[in-house]
Amino acid sequence: MPRQSISFTKPNDEWLKTQVDSKEYSSKSELVNDLIRQARKQQIEVNWIRAKLEKAEDNGFTSESKNDILAQSKSLLNG
């Protein structure tokens, strides 16, 4: 795994230390990797919603019901 050196602001470093001290994560690296995974997943979800909105805008309306779109959104969020 590539090794990186990064700097944190004092409040962010203290928050990271608190998470590790509470045994929520075993290290800052584990926590940062988890945060990045969450951000990547969120970006996929945002891109999916954006694509749906663009498609609806381009076509005027979608043929899917609100419940269909909601079910698809929940499915994506729950992986």
N, C-alpha and C. Protein backbone atom coordinates (compact mmCIF):
# COMPACT_ATOMS: atom_id res chain seq x y z
N MET A 1 0.85 -1.17 0.00
CA MET A 1 0.00 0.00 0.00
C MET A 1 0.90 1.23 0.00
N PRO A 2 0.61 2.20 -0.89
CA PRO A 2 1.43 3.42 -0.91
C PRO A 2 1.37 4.17 0.41
N ARG A 3 2.47 4.72 0.79
CA ARG A 3 2.56 5.48 2.04
C ARG A 3 2.52 6.96 1.71
N GLN A 4 1.76 7.72 2.48
CA GLN A 4 1.60 9.16 2.26
C GLN A 4 1.88 9.90 3.56
N SER A 5 2.27 11.12 3.40
CA SER A 5 2.44 12.00 4.55
C SER A 5 1.48 13.17 4.35
N ILE A 6 0.58 13.37 5.31
CA ILE A 6 -0.37 14.47 5.21
C ILE A 6 -0.40 15.24 6.52
N SER A 7 -0.83 16.48 6.43
CA SER A 7 -0.94 17.33 7.61
C SER A 7 -2.40 17.64 7.87
N PHE A 8 -2.75 17.77 9.15
CA PHE A 8 -4.11 18.08 9.55
C PHE A 8 -4.12 19.36 10.37
N THR A 9 -5.24 20.06 10.32
CA THR A 9 -5.41 21.19 11.22
C THR A 9 -5.53 20.63 12.63
N LYS A 10 -5.29 21.45 13.62
CA LYS A 10 -5.35 20.99 15.01
C LYS A 10 -6.71 20.38 15.36
N PRO A 11 -7.85 21.05 15.01
CA PRO A 11 -9.15 20.44 15.35
C PRO A 11 -9.36 19.08 14.67
N ASN A 12 -8.92 18.97 13.41
CA ASN A 12 -9.09 17.70 12.72
C ASN A 12 -8.20 16.62 13.32
N ASP A 13 -6.98 16.98 13.68
CA ASP A 13 -6.08 16.00 14.30
C ASP A 13 -6.64 15.54 15.64
N GLU A 14 -7.18 16.47 16.41
CA GLU A 14 -7.76 16.10 17.71
C GLU A 14 -8.96 15.18 17.52
N TRP A 15 -9.78 15.46 16.51
CA TRP A 15 -10.94 14.60 16.24
C TRP A 15 -10.47 13.20 15.83
N LEU A 16 -9.46 13.12 14.98
CA LEU A 16 -8.91 11.82 14.58
C LEU A 16 -8.40 11.05 15.80
N LYS A 17 -7.65 11.74 16.65
CA LYS A 17 -7.12 11.10 17.87
C LYS A 17 -8.25 10.59 18.75
N THR A 18 -9.32 11.38 18.89
CA THR A 18 -10.46 10.97 19.71
C THR A 18 -11.09 9.69 19.17
N GLN A 19 -11.23 9.61 17.85
CA GLN A 19 -11.82 8.42 17.24
C GLN A 19 -10.96 7.18 17.49
N VAL A 20 -9.66 7.35 17.38
CA VAL A 20 -8.74 6.23 17.62
C VAL A 20 -8.72 5.87 19.10
N ASP A 21 -8.69 6.88 19.96
CA ASP A 21 -8.68 6.64 21.41
C ASP A 21 -9.94 5.94 21.88
N SER A 22 -11.05 6.20 21.21
CA SER A 22 -12.32 5.56 21.61
C SER A 22 -12.44 4.14 21.07
N LYS A 23 -11.39 3.69 20.40
CA LYS A 23 -11.34 2.34 19.82
C LYS A 23 -12.31 2.16 18.66
N GLU A 24 -12.83 3.29 18.13
CA GLU A 24 -13.70 3.23 16.95
C GLU A 24 -12.88 2.75 15.75
N TYR A 25 -11.62 3.19 15.70
CA TYR A 25 -10.68 2.78 14.65
C TYR A 25 -9.36 2.44 15.33
N SER A 26 -8.60 1.59 14.68
CA SER A 26 -7.33 1.19 15.28
C SER A 26 -6.19 2.16 14.97
N SER A 27 -6.37 2.99 13.95
CA SER A 27 -5.33 3.96 13.60
C SER A 27 -5.94 5.11 12.80
N LYS A 28 -5.18 6.19 12.72
CA LYS A 28 -5.62 7.32 11.90
C LYS A 28 -5.71 6.90 10.44
N SER A 29 -4.79 6.06 10.00
CA SER A 29 -4.80 5.60 8.61
C SER A 29 -6.09 4.86 8.29
N GLU A 30 -6.50 3.98 9.18
CA GLU A 30 -7.75 3.24 8.97
C GLU A 30 -8.93 4.20 8.88
N LEU A 31 -8.95 5.19 9.75
CA LEU A 31 -10.03 6.17 9.76
C LEU A 31 -10.04 7.00 8.48
N VAL A 32 -8.88 7.48 8.06
CA VAL A 32 -8.81 8.29 6.85
C VAL A 32 -9.23 7.46 5.64
N ASN A 33 -8.79 6.21 5.56
CA ASN A 33 -9.21 5.34 4.46
C ASN A 33 -10.72 5.13 4.46
N ASP A 34 -11.32 4.98 5.64
CA ASP A 34 -12.77 4.81 5.74
C ASP A 34 -13.49 6.08 5.28
N LEU A 35 -12.99 7.23 5.68
CA LEU A 35 -13.59 8.50 5.25
C LEU A 35 -13.51 8.66 3.73
N ILE A 36 -12.39 8.25 3.15
CA ILE A 36 -12.24 8.34 1.69
C ILE A 36 -13.21 7.38 1.01
N ARG A 37 -13.36 6.16 1.53
CA ARG A 37 -14.33 5.21 0.96
C ARG A 37 -15.74 5.78 1.01
N GLN A 38 -16.10 6.39 2.14
CA GLN A 38 -17.43 7.00 2.27
C GLN A 38 -17.60 8.14 1.26
N ALA A 39 -16.58 8.96 1.09
CA ALA A 39 -16.66 10.07 0.14
C ALA A 39 -16.79 9.56 -1.29
N ARG A 40 -16.07 8.49 -1.61
CA ARG A 40 -16.16 7.91 -2.95
C ARG A 40 -17.55 7.36 -3.20
N LYS A 41 -18.11 6.67 -2.21
CA LYS A 41 -19.46 6.12 -2.35
C LYS A 41 -20.48 7.25 -2.52
N GLN A 42 -20.31 8.30 -1.73
CA GLN A 42 -21.22 9.44 -1.82
C GLN A 42 -21.13 10.08 -3.20
N GLN A 43 -19.92 10.17 -3.76
CA GLN A 43 -19.76 10.77 -5.08
C GLN A 43 -20.46 9.93 -6.15
N ILE A 44 -20.41 8.61 -6.02
CA ILE A 44 -21.12 7.73 -6.95
C ILE A 44 -22.62 8.00 -6.87
N GLU A 45 -23.12 8.15 -5.65
CA GLU A 45 -24.55 8.41 -5.45
C GLU A 45 -24.95 9.76 -6.04
N VAL A 46 -24.13 10.77 -5.81
CA VAL A 46 -24.40 12.11 -6.35
C VAL A 46 -24.39 12.07 -7.88
N ASN A 47 -23.42 11.38 -8.44
CA ASN A 47 -23.34 11.26 -9.90
C ASN A 47 -24.58 10.57 -10.46
N TRP A 48 -25.06 9.53 -9.77
CA TRP A 48 -26.25 8.80 -10.23
C TRP A 48 -27.47 9.73 -10.21
N ILE A 49 -27.64 10.45 -9.11
CA ILE A 49 -28.77 11.37 -9.00
C ILE A 49 -28.66 12.47 -10.06
N ARG A 50 -27.46 13.00 -10.25
CA ARG A 50 -27.25 14.04 -11.26
C ARG A 50 -27.62 13.52 -12.65
N ALA A 51 -27.20 12.30 -12.96
CA ALA A 51 -27.52 11.72 -14.27
C ALA A 51 -29.03 11.57 -14.44
N LYS A 52 -29.72 11.13 -13.39
CA LYS A 52 -31.18 10.99 -13.44
C LYS A 52 -31.83 12.35 -13.69
N LEU A 53 -31.37 13.37 -12.97
CA LEU A 53 -31.93 14.70 -13.14
C LEU A 53 -31.68 15.25 -14.55
N GLU A 54 -30.45 15.04 -15.05
CA GLU A 54 -30.14 15.51 -16.40
C GLU A 54 -30.99 14.80 -17.44
N LYS A 55 -31.16 13.50 -17.26
CA LYS A 55 -32.00 12.72 -18.19
C LYS A 55 -33.43 13.24 -18.16
N ALA A 56 -33.95 13.49 -16.96
CA ALA A 56 -35.31 13.99 -16.83
C ALA A 56 -35.44 15.37 -17.46
N GLU A 57 -34.45 16.22 -17.25
CA GLU A 57 -34.48 17.56 -17.84
C GLU A 57 -34.43 17.49 -19.37
N ASP A 58 -33.59 16.60 -19.89
CA ASP A 58 -33.46 16.46 -21.34
C ASP A 58 -34.73 15.90 -21.98
N ASN A 59 -35.41 15.02 -21.26
CA ASN A 59 -36.60 14.37 -21.80
C ASN A 59 -37.89 15.05 -21.38
N GLY A 60 -37.80 16.05 -20.57
CA GLY A 60 -39.00 16.73 -20.11
C GLY A 60 -39.53 16.09 -18.84
N PHE A 61 -39.81 14.82 -18.88
CA PHE A 61 -40.31 14.09 -17.71
C PHE A 61 -39.76 12.68 -17.74
N THR A 62 -39.77 12.04 -16.61
CA THR A 62 -39.36 10.64 -16.53
C THR A 62 -40.61 9.77 -16.49
N SER A 63 -40.48 8.57 -17.01
CA SER A 63 -41.62 7.65 -16.97
C SER A 63 -41.65 6.88 -15.65
N GLU A 64 -40.59 7.03 -14.84
CA GLU A 64 -40.55 6.33 -13.56
C GLU A 64 -41.37 7.09 -12.51
N SER A 65 -42.01 6.33 -11.65
CA SER A 65 -42.79 6.95 -10.58
C SER A 65 -41.87 7.45 -9.48
N LYS A 66 -42.39 8.29 -8.61
CA LYS A 66 -41.61 8.76 -7.46
C LYS A 66 -41.15 7.57 -6.62
N ASN A 67 -42.05 6.59 -6.47
CA ASN A 67 -41.69 5.41 -5.67
C ASN A 67 -40.57 4.61 -6.31
N ASP A 68 -40.58 4.50 -7.66
CA ASP A 68 -39.51 3.79 -8.36
C ASP A 68 -38.16 4.49 -8.14
N ILE A 69 -38.18 5.81 -8.29
CA ILE A 69 -36.94 6.57 -8.12
C ILE A 69 -36.46 6.49 -6.67
N LEU A 70 -37.38 6.58 -5.73
CA LEU A 70 -37.02 6.47 -4.32
C LEU A 70 -36.44 5.09 -4.02
N ALA A 71 -37.06 4.04 -4.55
CA ALA A 71 -36.57 2.67 -4.31
C ALA A 71 -35.17 2.50 -4.89
N GLN A 72 -34.94 3.04 -6.08
CA GLN A 72 -33.62 2.95 -6.70
C GLN A 72 -32.59 3.72 -5.87
N SER A 73 -32.98 4.88 -5.39
CA SER A 73 -32.07 5.69 -4.56
C SER A 73 -31.71 4.95 -3.28
N LYS A 74 -32.69 4.37 -2.63
CA LYS A 74 -32.44 3.63 -1.39
C LYS A 74 -31.57 2.42 -1.65
N SER A 75 -31.80 1.75 -2.77
CA SER A 75 -31.00 0.59 -3.13
C SER A 75 -29.55 0.97 -3.32
N LEU A 76 -29.33 2.09 -4.00
CA LEU A 76 -27.97 2.57 -4.22
C LEU A 76 -27.30 2.95 -2.91
N LEU A 77 -28.05 3.62 -2.03
CA LEU A 77 -27.49 4.03 -0.74
C LEU A 77 -27.15 2.84 0.14
N ASN A 78 -27.95 1.79 0.07
CA ASN A 78 -27.73 0.61 0.90
C ASN A 78 -26.77 -0.38 0.29
N GLY A 79 -26.33 -0.09 -0.92
CA GLY A 79 -25.33 -0.91 -1.61
C GLY A 79 -25.78 -2.28 -1.82
